[in-house]
Amino acid sequence: MFDVIVVGAGPAGLAAATFAARRKLRTLILEASSTAGGKPVLVYANKIVDDLIGFPEGITGMEIGRMLEKHARKFGVEIKCNARVTEITPLEGGGFVLKDDKGDEYLAKAVIIAFGMQPRTHVGVKGEAMFRGKGVRYMLGDPSEVDGKKVIVVGGGETAVETALMASEKASSVHLVHRRDMLRADEALIERLIGRVDVMYNTIVEELRGEERLEEALLYNLESRKRRVFKVDEVIFCVGYLPATEILKKLGVKLSEKGEVVVNRKQETSINGLFAAGDVTGGVMRISTAIGEGVVASLSAYNYIKKPYWGE
């Protein structure tokens, strides 16, 4: 039996596992994807992250993920990739049994949920389903994927702005379409759009058209009430993330209206011995925040298992 099993190997999960292992708790991470590191490695591998405290010159997502993984392994954390957790069941008398998609089972005294969120992959625009994978996508992993293409990015948050900037490195043109009159991303990030991306405020994508592949998008301006047709090769929807918390619903974990895991300041969930950290809990979704929440969750798990006098 493991003392702690962490579900998810992103910044929150790796931080949680590292601090648990430092307290000499036998710790395992179960990660659904083929590599550890989470979103920084899987989505922003080559992106320079300049808002991670301690790295004023910036650091790539890949470097962040690899450094966090190396730190966790230094203290003896076991990491098993390609292991998607499908069930978490409490045991009588305490502890949990976790089952992955291959049918393997794992026992733990405490569990820390840190599997983040998944991009919203259904927006409801006419033609969206028809061109999914044929010009419609929901994330951009590498600028070379849109080399020489006409691109529209939809959204107004951090992910949308970062995606538009990434696309502008290789695309022939990039338009950022947002339904409101201002963007939600950091001002420092928005400044970089100037001269690189055409931002279209108060605008929505009304319809996507084409034959075999996406060829054009019908845009509607909510202020002028005018429509324009744009020739386009790729439309990238960056309109939010959804927590993948279906397995937690079965467990009876208290969730918010958005499906996020509800936690207290100790990262405790409504189930004794079950903790959560990172994007899956909502709030400020930043790498620094995820790391901090992971540390708190691990120390709370330590207090739950060991019950030291200072944990009272």
C-alpha atoms as a PDB file:
ATOM      1  CA  MET A   1       0.000   0.000   0.000  1.00  0.00           C
ATOM      2  CA  PHE A   2       1.195   3.526  -0.813  1.00  0.00           C
ATOM      3  CA  ASP A   3       0.916   6.267   1.743  1.00  0.00           C
ATOM      4  CA  VAL A   4      -0.114   8.795  -0.915  1.00  0.00           C
ATOM      5  CA  ILE A   5      -1.268   8.400  -4.496  1.00  0.00           C
ATOM      6  CA  VAL A   6      -1.368  11.565  -6.584  1.00  0.00           C
ATOM      7  CA  VAL A   7      -3.629  11.519  -9.641  1.00  0.00           C
ATOM      8  CA  GLY A   8      -2.027  13.735 -12.271  1.00  0.00           C
ATOM      9  CA  ALA A   9       1.586  14.664 -13.029  1.00  0.00           C
ATOM     10  CA  GLY A  10       1.226  18.366 -13.771  1.00  0.00           C
ATOM     11  CA  PRO A  11       2.762  21.132 -11.632  1.00  0.00           C
ATOM     12  CA  ALA A  12       0.273  20.604  -8.779  1.00  0.00           C
ATOM     13  CA  GLY A  13       0.693  16.826  -8.774  1.00  0.00           C
ATOM     14  CA  LEU A  14       4.478  16.864  -9.024  1.00  0.00           C
ATOM     15  CA  ALA A  15       4.753  19.458  -6.245  1.00  0.00           C
ATOM     16  CA  ALA A  16       2.390  17.475  -4.023  1.00  0.00           C
ATOM     17  CA  ALA A  17       4.294  14.245  -4.616  1.00  0.00           C
ATOM     18  CA  THR A  18       7.681  15.890  -4.001  1.00  0.00           C
ATOM     19  CA  PHE A  19       6.688  17.294  -0.630  1.00  0.00           C
ATOM     20  CA  ALA A  20       4.959  14.075   0.402  1.00  0.00           C
ATOM     21  CA  ALA A  21       8.063  12.067  -0.451  1.00  0.00           C
ATOM     22  CA  ARG A  22      10.273  14.533   1.447  1.00  0.00           C
ATOM     23  CA  ARG A  23       8.257  13.628   4.539  1.00  0.00           C
ATOM     24  CA  LYS A  24       9.133   9.978   3.830  1.00  0.00           C
ATOM     25  CA  LEU A  25       5.677   9.015   2.648  1.00  0.00           C
ATOM     26  CA  ARG A  26       5.689   6.290  -0.007  1.00  0.00           C
ATOM     27  CA  THR A  27       4.287   8.186  -2.962  1.00  0.00           C
ATOM     28  CA  LEU A  28       2.996   7.219  -6.408  1.00  0.00           C
ATOM     29  CA  ILE A  29       1.797   9.432  -9.243  1.00  0.00           C
ATOM     30  CA  LEU A  30      -0.673   8.016 -11.766  1.00  0.00           C
ATOM     31  CA  GLU A  31      -0.694  10.023 -15.009  1.00  0.00           C
ATOM     32  CA  ALA A  32      -3.108   9.474 -17.891  1.00  0.00           C
ATOM     33  CA  SER A  33      -0.820  10.772 -20.630  1.00  0.00           C
ATOM     34  CA  SER A  34       2.450   9.304 -21.878  1.00  0.00           C
ATOM     35  CA  THR A  35       4.674  11.811 -20.088  1.00  0.00           C
ATOM     36  CA  ALA A  36       4.880  13.747 -16.832  1.00  0.00           C
ATOM     37  CA  GLY A  37       4.762  17.537 -16.714  1.00  0.00           C
ATOM     38  CA  GLY A  38       1.125  18.299 -17.434  1.00  0.00           C
ATOM     39  CA  LYS A  39      -0.015  21.232 -19.537  1.00  0.00           C
ATOM     40  CA  PRO A  40       3.399  22.981 -19.623  1.00  0.00           C
ATOM     41  CA  VAL A  41       4.866  19.944 -21.420  1.00  0.00           C
ATOM     42  CA  LEU A  42       1.833  18.739 -23.363  1.00  0.00           C
ATOM     43  CA  VAL A  43       0.521  22.111 -24.570  1.00  0.00           C
ATOM     44  CA  TYR A  44       3.198  24.773 -24.051  1.00  0.00           C
ATOM     45  CA  ALA A  45       6.425  22.812 -24.465  1.00  0.00           C
ATOM     46  CA  ASN A  46       8.231  25.511 -26.468  1.00  0.00           C
ATOM     47  CA  LYS A  47       6.434  28.529 -25.021  1.00  0.00           C
ATOM     48  CA  ILE A  48       8.477  30.884 -22.859  1.00  0.00           C
ATOM     49  CA  VAL A  49       6.687  31.222 -19.518  1.00  0.00           C
ATOM     50  CA  ASP A  50       7.555  34.605 -18.019  1.00  0.00           C
ATOM     51  CA  ASP A  51       5.184  34.686 -15.039  1.00  0.00           C
ATOM     52  CA  LEU A  52       6.732  31.877 -12.988  1.00  0.00           C
ATOM     53  CA  ILE A  53       8.321  33.545  -9.978  1.00  0.00           C
ATOM     54  CA  GLY A  54      12.076  33.001  -9.808  1.00  0.00           C
ATOM     55  CA  PHE A  55      12.641  32.904 -13.572  1.00  0.00           C
ATOM     56  CA  PRO A  56      12.704  36.573 -14.670  1.00  0.00           C
ATOM     57  CA  GLU A  57      14.174  35.709 -18.088  1.00  0.00           C
ATOM     58  CA  GLY A  58      11.450  33.134 -18.681  1.00  0.00           C
ATOM     59  CA  ILE A  59      11.579  29.379 -19.002  1.00  0.00           C
ATOM     60  CA  THR A  60       9.955  26.986 -21.476  1.00  0.00           C
ATOM     61  CA  GLY A  61       7.039  24.779 -20.513  1.00  0.00           C
ATOM     62  CA  MET A  62       9.145  21.717 -21.287  1.00  0.00           C
ATOM     63  CA  GLU A  63      11.885  22.887 -18.908  1.00  0.00           C
ATOM     64  CA  ILE A  64       9.349  23.506 -16.142  1.00  0.00           C
ATOM     65  CA  GLY A  65       7.857  20.042 -16.502  1.00  0.00           C
ATOM     66  CA  ARG A  66      11.228  18.290 -16.644  1.00  0.00           C
ATOM     67  CA  MET A  67      12.596  20.170 -13.614  1.00  0.00           C
ATOM     68  CA  LEU A  68       9.504  19.380 -11.542  1.00  0.00           C
ATOM     69  CA  GLU A  69       9.674  15.717 -12.547  1.00  0.00           C
ATOM     70  CA  LYS A  70      13.400  15.525 -11.723  1.00  0.00           C
ATOM     71  CA  HIS A  71      12.771  17.056  -8.305  1.00  0.00           C
ATOM     72  CA  ALA A  72      10.024  14.538  -7.546  1.00  0.00           C
ATOM     73  CA  ARG A  73      12.151  11.568  -8.593  1.00  0.00           C
ATOM     74  CA  LYS A  74      15.028  12.878  -6.457  1.00  0.00           C
ATOM     75  CA  PHE A  75      12.976  12.092  -3.343  1.00  0.00           C
ATOM     76  CA  GLY A  76      11.843   8.700  -4.591  1.00  0.00           C
ATOM     77  CA  VAL A  77       8.450   9.445  -6.104  1.00  0.00           C
ATOM     78  CA  GLU A  78       7.235   6.651  -8.386  1.00  0.00           C
ATOM     79  CA  ILE A  79       5.597   7.911 -11.583  1.00  0.00           C
ATOM     80  CA  LYS A  80       3.442   5.688 -13.751  1.00  0.00           C
ATOM     81  CA  CYS A  81       2.319   7.190 -17.071  1.00  0.00           C
ATOM     82  CA  ASN A  82      -0.383   5.859 -19.417  1.00  0.00           C
ATOM     83  CA  ALA A  83      -2.423   5.047 -16.320  1.00  0.00           C
ATOM     84  CA  ARG A  84      -5.779   6.820 -16.463  1.00  0.00           C
ATOM     85  CA  VAL A  85      -7.625   6.456 -13.171  1.00  0.00           C
ATOM     86  CA  THR A  86     -11.211   5.344 -13.761  1.00  0.00           C
ATOM     87  CA  GLU A  87     -12.354   4.509 -10.231  1.00  0.00           C
ATOM     88  CA  ILE A  88     -11.612   5.650  -6.687  1.00  0.00           C
ATOM     89  CA  THR A  89     -13.283   3.651  -3.940  1.00  0.00           C
ATOM     90  CA  PRO A  90     -13.033   4.311  -0.173  1.00  0.00           C
ATOM     91  CA  LEU A  91     -12.140   1.316   1.989  1.00  0.00           C
ATOM     92  CA  GLU A  92     -13.825   0.460   5.246  1.00  0.00           C
ATOM     93  CA  GLY A  93     -11.593   1.586   8.055  1.00  0.00           C
ATOM     94  CA  GLY A  94      -9.797   4.145   5.883  1.00  0.00           C
ATOM     95  CA  GLY A  95      -7.787   4.306   2.707  1.00  0.00           C
ATOM     96  CA  PHE A  96      -8.716   4.018  -0.955  1.00  0.00           C
ATOM     97  CA  VAL A  97      -8.423   1.627  -3.856  1.00  0.00           C
ATOM     98  CA  LEU A  98      -7.790   3.170  -7.268  1.00  0.00           C
ATOM     99  CA  LYS A  99      -8.308   1.391 -10.562  1.00  0.00           C
ATOM    100  CA  ASP A 100      -6.867   2.471 -13.910  1.00  0.00           C
ATOM    101  CA  ASP A 101      -8.095   1.929 -17.461  1.00  0.00           C
ATOM    102  CA  LYS A 102      -6.062  -1.270 -17.764  1.00  0.00           C
ATOM    103  CA  GLY A 103      -7.706  -2.797 -14.709  1.00  0.00           C
ATOM    104  CA  ASP A 104      -4.682  -2.430 -12.418  1.00  0.00           C
ATOM    105  CA  GLU A 105      -5.480  -1.583  -8.804  1.00  0.00           C
ATOM    106  CA  TYR A 106      -3.543   0.505  -6.290  1.00  0.00           C
ATOM    107  CA  LEU A 107      -4.028   1.004  -2.557  1.00  0.00           C
ATOM    108  CA  ALA A 108      -3.407   4.302  -0.762  1.00  0.00           C
ATOM    109  CA  LYS A 109      -3.927   5.754   2.683  1.00  0.00           C
ATOM    110  CA  ALA A 110      -4.583   9.189   1.146  1.00  0.00           C
ATOM    111  CA  VAL A 111      -5.246  10.482  -2.372  1.00  0.00           C
ATOM    112  CA  ILE A 112      -4.460  13.867  -3.912  1.00  0.00           C
ATOM    113  CA  ILE A 113      -6.461  14.790  -7.028  1.00  0.00           C
ATOM    114  CA  ALA A 114      -4.418  16.965  -9.400  1.00  0.00           C
ATOM    115  CA  PHE A 115      -5.554  16.031 -12.901  1.00  0.00           C
ATOM    116  CA  GLY A 116      -6.285  19.577 -14.035  1.00  0.00           C
ATOM    117  CA  MET A 117      -8.864  20.443 -16.671  1.00  0.00           C
ATOM    118  CA  GLN A 118      -9.531  19.623 -20.299  1.00  0.00           C
ATOM    119  CA  PRO A 119     -10.194  22.196 -23.053  1.00  0.00           C
ATOM    120  CA  ARG A 120     -13.869  22.704 -23.819  1.00  0.00           C
ATOM    121  CA  THR A 121     -14.404  20.775 -27.045  1.00  0.00           C
ATOM    122  CA  HIS A 122     -17.962  21.747 -27.888  1.00  0.00           C
ATOM    123  CA  VAL A 123     -18.887  25.366 -28.477  1.00  0.00           C
ATOM    124  CA  GLY A 124     -22.113  24.941 -30.441  1.00  0.00           C
ATOM    125  CA  VAL A 125     -21.217  26.951 -33.551  1.00  0.00           C
ATOM    126  CA  LYS A 126     -22.973  25.839 -36.726  1.00  0.00           C
ATOM    127  CA  GLY A 127     -20.583  23.631 -38.730  1.00  0.00           C
ATOM    128  CA  GLU A 128     -18.259  23.020 -35.784  1.00  0.00           C
ATOM    129  CA  ALA A 129     -18.852  19.274 -35.600  1.00  0.00           C
ATOM    130  CA  MET A 130     -18.560  18.856 -39.374  1.00  0.00           C
ATOM    131  CA  PHE A 131     -15.055  20.343 -39.481  1.00  0.00           C
ATOM    132  CA  ARG A 132     -13.647  19.031 -36.211  1.00  0.00           C
ATOM    133  CA  GLY A 133     -10.180  17.762 -37.141  1.00  0.00           C
ATOM    134  CA  LYS A 134     -10.601  19.306 -40.587  1.00  0.00           C
ATOM    135  CA  GLY A 135      -9.877  22.893 -39.692  1.00  0.00           C
ATOM    136  CA  VAL A 136     -11.500  23.111 -36.267  1.00  0.00           C
ATOM    137  CA  ARG A 137      -9.344  22.510 -33.201  1.00  0.00           C
ATOM    138  CA  TYR A 138      -9.298  23.422 -29.518  1.00  0.00           C
ATOM    139  CA  MET A 139      -5.589  23.820 -28.819  1.00  0.00           C
ATOM    140  CA  LEU A 140      -2.343  24.446 -30.644  1.00  0.00           C
ATOM    141  CA  GLY A 141       0.649  22.405 -29.583  1.00  0.00           C
ATOM    142  CA  ASP A 142       3.198  23.754 -32.053  1.00  0.00           C
ATOM    143  CA  PRO A 143       3.232  26.802 -34.378  1.00  0.00           C
ATOM    144  CA  SER A 144       4.350  24.599 -37.287  1.00  0.00           C
ATOM    145  CA  GLU A 145       0.856  23.034 -37.289  1.00  0.00           C
ATOM    146  CA  VAL A 146      -0.513  26.250 -38.819  1.00  0.00           C
ATOM    147  CA  ASP A 147       2.470  27.113 -41.034  1.00  0.00           C
ATOM    148  CA  GLY A 148       1.342  29.409 -43.862  1.00  0.00           C
ATOM    149  CA  LYS A 149      -2.346  29.150 -42.901  1.00  0.00           C
ATOM    150  CA  LYS A 150      -5.053  31.739 -42.276  1.00  0.00           C
ATOM    151  CA  VAL A 151      -6.047  31.325 -38.634  1.00  0.00           C
ATOM    152  CA  ILE A 152      -8.864  32.559 -36.400  1.00  0.00           C
ATOM    153  CA  VAL A 153      -8.505  32.107 -32.647  1.00  0.00           C
ATOM    154  CA  VAL A 154     -11.705  32.430 -30.604  1.00  0.00           C
ATOM    155  CA  GLY A 155     -11.606  33.568 -26.974  1.00  0.00           C
ATOM    156  CA  GLY A 156     -10.437  36.367 -24.727  1.00  0.00           C
ATOM    157  CA  GLY A 157      -8.519  34.723 -21.914  1.00  0.00           C
ATOM    158  CA  GLU A 158      -4.903  33.807 -21.308  1.00  0.00           C
ATOM    159  CA  THR A 159      -5.041  30.645 -23.411  1.00  0.00           C
ATOM    160  CA  ALA A 160      -6.617  32.406 -26.386  1.00  0.00           C
ATOM    161  CA  VAL A 161      -4.036  35.213 -26.384  1.00  0.00           C
ATOM    162  CA  GLU A 162      -1.139  32.783 -25.964  1.00  0.00           C
ATOM    163  CA  THR A 163      -2.509  30.622 -28.779  1.00  0.00           C
ATOM    164  CA  ALA A 164      -2.891  33.626 -31.097  1.00  0.00           C
ATOM    165  CA  LEU A 165       0.696  34.685 -30.394  1.00  0.00           C
ATOM    166  CA  MET A 166       1.972  31.162 -30.973  1.00  0.00           C
ATOM    167  CA  ALA A 167       0.040  30.863 -34.235  1.00  0.00           C
ATOM    168  CA  SER A 168       1.432  34.226 -35.421  1.00  0.00           C
ATOM    169  CA  GLU A 169       4.943  32.746 -35.463  1.00  0.00           C
ATOM    170  CA  LYS A 170       4.110  30.628 -38.527  1.00  0.00           C
ATOM    171  CA  ALA A 171       0.615  31.473 -39.815  1.00  0.00           C
ATOM    172  CA  SER A 172       0.126  33.800 -42.773  1.00  0.00           C
ATOM    173  CA  SER A 173      -2.524  35.736 -40.807  1.00  0.00           C
ATOM    174  CA  VAL A 174      -4.114  35.531 -37.360  1.00  0.00           C
ATOM    175  CA  HIS A 175      -7.359  37.102 -36.149  1.00  0.00           C
ATOM    176  CA  LEU A 176      -8.334  36.934 -32.475  1.00  0.00           C
ATOM    177  CA  VAL A 177     -12.120  36.997 -32.126  1.00  0.00           C
ATOM    178  CA  HIS A 178     -13.681  37.884 -28.760  1.00  0.00           C
ATOM    179  CA  ARG A 179     -17.330  38.436 -27.935  1.00  0.00           C
ATOM    180  CA  ARG A 180     -16.604  41.219 -25.419  1.00  0.00           C
ATOM    181  CA  ASP A 181     -14.920  44.638 -25.608  1.00  0.00           C
ATOM    182  CA  MET A 182     -11.781  43.732 -23.643  1.00  0.00           C
ATOM    183  CA  LEU A 183      -9.512  40.741 -23.117  1.00  0.00           C
ATOM    184  CA  ARG A 184      -9.103  38.938 -19.771  1.00  0.00           C
ATOM    185  CA  ALA A 185      -5.411  38.073 -20.212  1.00  0.00           C
ATOM    186  CA  ASP A 186      -2.549  39.866 -18.454  1.00  0.00           C
ATOM    187  CA  GLU A 187      -1.788  43.309 -19.865  1.00  0.00           C
ATOM    188  CA  ALA A 188       1.860  42.334 -20.369  1.00  0.00           C
ATOM    189  CA  LEU A 189       0.722  39.509 -22.615  1.00  0.00           C
ATOM    190  CA  ILE A 190      -1.830  41.609 -24.490  1.00  0.00           C
ATOM    191  CA  GLU A 191       0.858  44.182 -25.388  1.00  0.00           C
ATOM    192  CA  ARG A 192       2.632  41.536 -27.445  1.00  0.00           C
ATOM    193  CA  LEU A 193      -0.393  41.218 -29.756  1.00  0.00           C
ATOM    194  CA  ILE A 194       0.201  44.674 -31.227  1.00  0.00           C
ATOM    195  CA  GLY A 195       1.368  44.411 -34.810  1.00  0.00           C
ATOM    196  CA  ARG A 196       1.167  40.606 -34.781  1.00  0.00           C
ATOM    197  CA  VAL A 197      -2.510  39.757 -34.361  1.00  0.00           C
ATOM    198  CA  ASP A 198      -5.697  41.497 -35.493  1.00  0.00           C
ATOM    199  CA  VAL A 199      -8.038  41.597 -32.483  1.00  0.00           C
ATOM    200  CA  MET A 200     -11.754  41.725 -33.304  1.00  0.00           C
ATOM    201  CA  TYR A 201     -13.808  42.739 -30.269  1.00  0.00           C
ATOM    202  CA  ASN A 202     -17.578  42.336 -29.791  1.00  0.00           C
ATOM    203  CA  THR A 203     -17.523  39.622 -32.432  1.00  0.00           C
ATOM    204  CA  ILE A 204     -18.637  35.990 -32.552  1.00  0.00           C
ATOM    205  CA  VAL A 205     -18.208  33.127 -35.012  1.00  0.00           C
ATOM    206  CA  GLU A 206     -21.703  32.469 -36.303  1.00  0.00           C
ATOM    207  CA  GLU A 207     -21.069  29.694 -38.832  1.00  0.00           C
ATOM    208  CA  LEU A 208     -18.270  27.595 -40.332  1.00  0.00           C
ATOM    209  CA  ARG A 209     -18.441  26.571 -43.985  1.00  0.00           C
ATOM    210  CA  GLY A 210     -16.571  24.470 -46.491  1.00  0.00           C
ATOM    211  CA  GLU A 211     -16.614  21.309 -48.579  1.00  0.00           C
ATOM    212  CA  GLU A 212     -14.129  18.606 -47.527  1.00  0.00           C
ATOM    213  CA  ARG A 213     -12.362  20.967 -45.110  1.00  0.00           C
ATOM    214  CA  LEU A 214     -13.039  24.277 -43.427  1.00  0.00           C
ATOM    215  CA  GLU A 215     -12.847  27.120 -45.949  1.00  0.00           C
ATOM    216  CA  GLU A 216     -14.542  30.141 -44.436  1.00  0.00           C
ATOM    217  CA  ALA A 217     -16.062  31.565 -41.257  1.00  0.00           C
ATOM    218  CA  LEU A 218     -19.066  33.847 -40.942  1.00  0.00           C
ATOM    219  CA  LEU A 219     -18.394  36.451 -38.240  1.00  0.00           C
ATOM    220  CA  TYR A 220     -21.060  38.634 -36.610  1.00  0.00           C
ATOM    221  CA  ASN A 221     -20.304  41.946 -34.891  1.00  0.00           C
ATOM    222  CA  LEU A 222     -22.582  42.362 -31.864  1.00  0.00           C
ATOM    223  CA  GLU A 223     -22.309  46.179 -31.958  1.00  0.00           C
ATOM    224  CA  SER A 224     -22.662  47.016 -35.633  1.00  0.00           C
ATOM    225  CA  ARG A 225     -24.835  43.922 -36.274  1.00  0.00           C
ATOM    226  CA  LYS A 226     -22.924  43.370 -39.492  1.00  0.00           C
ATOM    227  CA  ARG A 227     -21.678  40.061 -40.846  1.00  0.00           C
ATOM    228  CA  ARG A 228     -18.396  39.383 -42.625  1.00  0.00           C
ATOM    229  CA  VAL A 229     -17.107  36.264 -44.350  1.00  0.00           C
ATOM    230  CA  PHE A 230     -13.451  35.373 -43.773  1.00  0.00           C
ATOM    231  CA  LYS A 231     -11.439  32.876 -45.747  1.00  0.00           C
ATOM    232  CA  VAL A 232      -9.808  30.674 -43.142  1.00  0.00           C
ATOM    233  CA  ASP A 233      -7.872  27.408 -42.883  1.00  0.00           C
ATOM    234  CA  GLU A 234      -7.999  26.885 -39.122  1.00  0.00           C
ATOM    235  CA  VAL A 235     -10.328  28.037 -36.347  1.00  0.00           C
ATOM    236  CA  ILE A 236      -9.002  27.407 -32.851  1.00  0.00           C
ATOM    237  CA  PHE A 237     -11.592  27.643 -30.085  1.00  0.00           C
ATOM    238  CA  CYS A 238     -10.033  28.618 -26.728  1.00  0.00           C
ATOM    239  CA  VAL A 239     -13.197  29.221 -24.758  1.00  0.00           C
ATOM    240  CA  GLY A 240     -12.487  27.706 -21.404  1.00  0.00           C
ATOM    241  CA  TYR A 241     -11.722  24.437 -19.680  1.00  0.00           C
ATOM    242  CA  LEU A 242     -13.867  21.787 -18.068  1.00  0.00           C
ATOM    243  CA  PRO A 243     -12.853  19.748 -15.009  1.00  0.00           C
ATOM    244  CA  ALA A 244     -12.776  16.009 -15.724  1.00  0.00           C
ATOM    245  CA  THR A 245     -14.463  15.132 -12.455  1.00  0.00           C
ATOM    246  CA  GLU A 246     -16.912  12.400 -13.487  1.00  0.00           C
ATOM    247  CA  ILE A 247     -15.183   9.771 -11.332  1.00  0.00           C
ATOM    248  CA  LEU A 248     -15.423  12.108  -8.355  1.00  0.00           C
ATOM    249  CA  LYS A 249     -19.179  12.499  -8.774  1.00  0.00           C
ATOM    250  CA  LYS A 250     -19.556   8.753  -8.282  1.00  0.00           C
ATOM    251  CA  LEU A 251     -17.453   9.051  -5.134  1.00  0.00           C
ATOM    252  CA  GLY A 252     -19.721  11.770  -3.759  1.00  0.00           C
ATOM    253  CA  VAL A 253     -17.101  14.527  -3.669  1.00  0.00           C
ATOM    254  CA  LYS A 254     -18.621  17.980  -3.316  1.00  0.00           C
ATOM    255  CA  LEU A 255     -18.275  19.905  -6.585  1.00  0.00           C
ATOM    256  CA  SER A 256     -19.088  23.471  -7.602  1.00  0.00           C
ATOM    257  CA  GLU A 257     -21.752  24.308 -10.180  1.00  0.00           C
ATOM    258  CA  LYS A 258     -18.961  24.263 -12.798  1.00  0.00           C
ATOM    259  CA  GLY A 259     -17.841  20.804 -11.707  1.00  0.00           C
ATOM    260  CA  GLU A 260     -14.700  21.995  -9.918  1.00  0.00           C
ATOM    261  CA  VAL A 261     -13.613  20.248  -6.719  1.00  0.00           C
ATOM    262  CA  VAL A 262     -14.587  22.239  -3.638  1.00  0.00           C
ATOM    263  CA  VAL A 263     -11.719  22.434  -1.129  1.00  0.00           C
ATOM    264  CA  ASN A 264     -10.931  24.363   2.055  1.00  0.00           C
ATOM    265  CA  ARG A 265      -7.699  26.249   2.773  1.00  0.00           C
ATOM    266  CA  LYS A 266      -5.995  22.928   3.595  1.00  0.00           C
ATOM    267  CA  GLN A 267      -6.945  21.558   0.144  1.00  0.00           C
ATOM    268  CA  GLU A 268      -9.258  19.053   1.861  1.00  0.00           C
ATOM    269  CA  THR A 269     -12.295  17.833  -0.069  1.00  0.00           C
ATOM    270  CA  SER A 270     -15.595  16.685   1.411  1.00  0.00           C
ATOM    271  CA  ILE A 271     -14.177  13.142   1.708  1.00  0.00           C
ATOM    272  CA  ASN A 272     -11.756  12.376   4.539  1.00  0.00           C
ATOM    273  CA  GLY A 273      -8.313  11.466   3.192  1.00  0.00           C
ATOM    274  CA  LEU A 274      -9.022  12.898  -0.252  1.00  0.00           C
ATOM    275  CA  PHE A 275      -7.334  16.162  -1.204  1.00  0.00           C
ATOM    276  CA  ALA A 276      -7.243  18.240  -4.391  1.00  0.00           C
ATOM    277  CA  ALA A 277      -4.944  20.883  -5.875  1.00  0.00           C
ATOM    278  CA  GLY A 278      -4.366  22.839  -9.048  1.00  0.00           C
ATOM    279  CA  ASP A 279      -6.694  23.725 -11.908  1.00  0.00           C
ATOM    280  CA  VAL A 280      -9.249  21.054 -10.960  1.00  0.00           C
ATOM    281  CA  THR A 281     -10.198  23.230  -7.971  1.00  0.00           C
ATOM    282  CA  GLY A 282     -10.806  26.324 -10.124  1.00  0.00           C
ATOM    283  CA  GLY A 283      -9.613  29.719  -8.924  1.00  0.00           C
ATOM    284  CA  VAL A 284      -6.450  31.347 -10.260  1.00  0.00           C
ATOM    285  CA  MET A 285      -5.064  28.924 -12.820  1.00  0.00           C
ATOM    286  CA  ARG A 286      -1.340  29.639 -12.789  1.00  0.00           C
ATOM    287  CA  ILE A 287       1.661  27.341 -12.465  1.00  0.00           C
ATOM    288  CA  SER A 288       2.786  29.117  -9.286  1.00  0.00           C
ATOM    289  CA  THR A 289      -0.648  28.696  -7.728  1.00  0.00           C
ATOM    290  CA  ALA A 290      -0.839  25.026  -8.684  1.00  0.00           C
ATOM    291  CA  ILE A 291       2.568  24.339  -7.124  1.00  0.00           C
ATOM    292  CA  GLY A 292       1.562  26.107  -3.913  1.00  0.00           C
ATOM    293  CA  GLU A 293      -1.723  24.218  -3.660  1.00  0.00           C
ATOM    294  CA  GLY A 294       0.102  20.948  -4.288  1.00  0.00           C
ATOM    295  CA  VAL A 295       2.467  21.654  -1.396  1.00  0.00           C
ATOM    296  CA  VAL A 296      -0.441  22.443   0.943  1.00  0.00           C
ATOM    297  CA  ALA A 297      -2.289  19.284  -0.124  1.00  0.00           C
ATOM    298  CA  SER A 298       0.762  17.111   0.546  1.00  0.00           C
ATOM    299  CA  LEU A 299       1.316  18.532   4.024  1.00  0.00           C
ATOM    300  CA  SER A 300      -2.373  18.083   4.808  1.00  0.00           C
ATOM    301  CA  ALA A 301      -2.126  14.467   3.624  1.00  0.00           C
ATOM    302  CA  TYR A 302       0.902  13.985   5.893  1.00  0.00           C
ATOM    303  CA  ASN A 303      -1.052  15.312   8.884  1.00  0.00           C
ATOM    304  CA  TYR A 304      -3.989  13.057   7.978  1.00  0.00           C
ATOM    305  CA  ILE A 305      -1.801   9.928   7.834  1.00  0.00           C
ATOM    306  CA  LYS A 306       0.727  10.572  10.597  1.00  0.00           C
ATOM    307  CA  LYS A 307      -1.401  12.716  12.913  1.00  0.00           C
ATOM    308  CA  PRO A 308       1.559  14.626  14.437  1.00  0.00           C
ATOM    309  CA  TYR A 309       0.851  16.853  17.417  1.00  0.00           C
ATOM    310  CA  TRP A 310       1.548  19.998  15.375  1.00  0.00           C
ATOM    311  CA  GLY A 311      -1.099  19.020  12.835  1.00  0.00           C
ATOM    312  CA  GLU A 312      -3.953  19.407  15.296  1.00  0.00           C
END
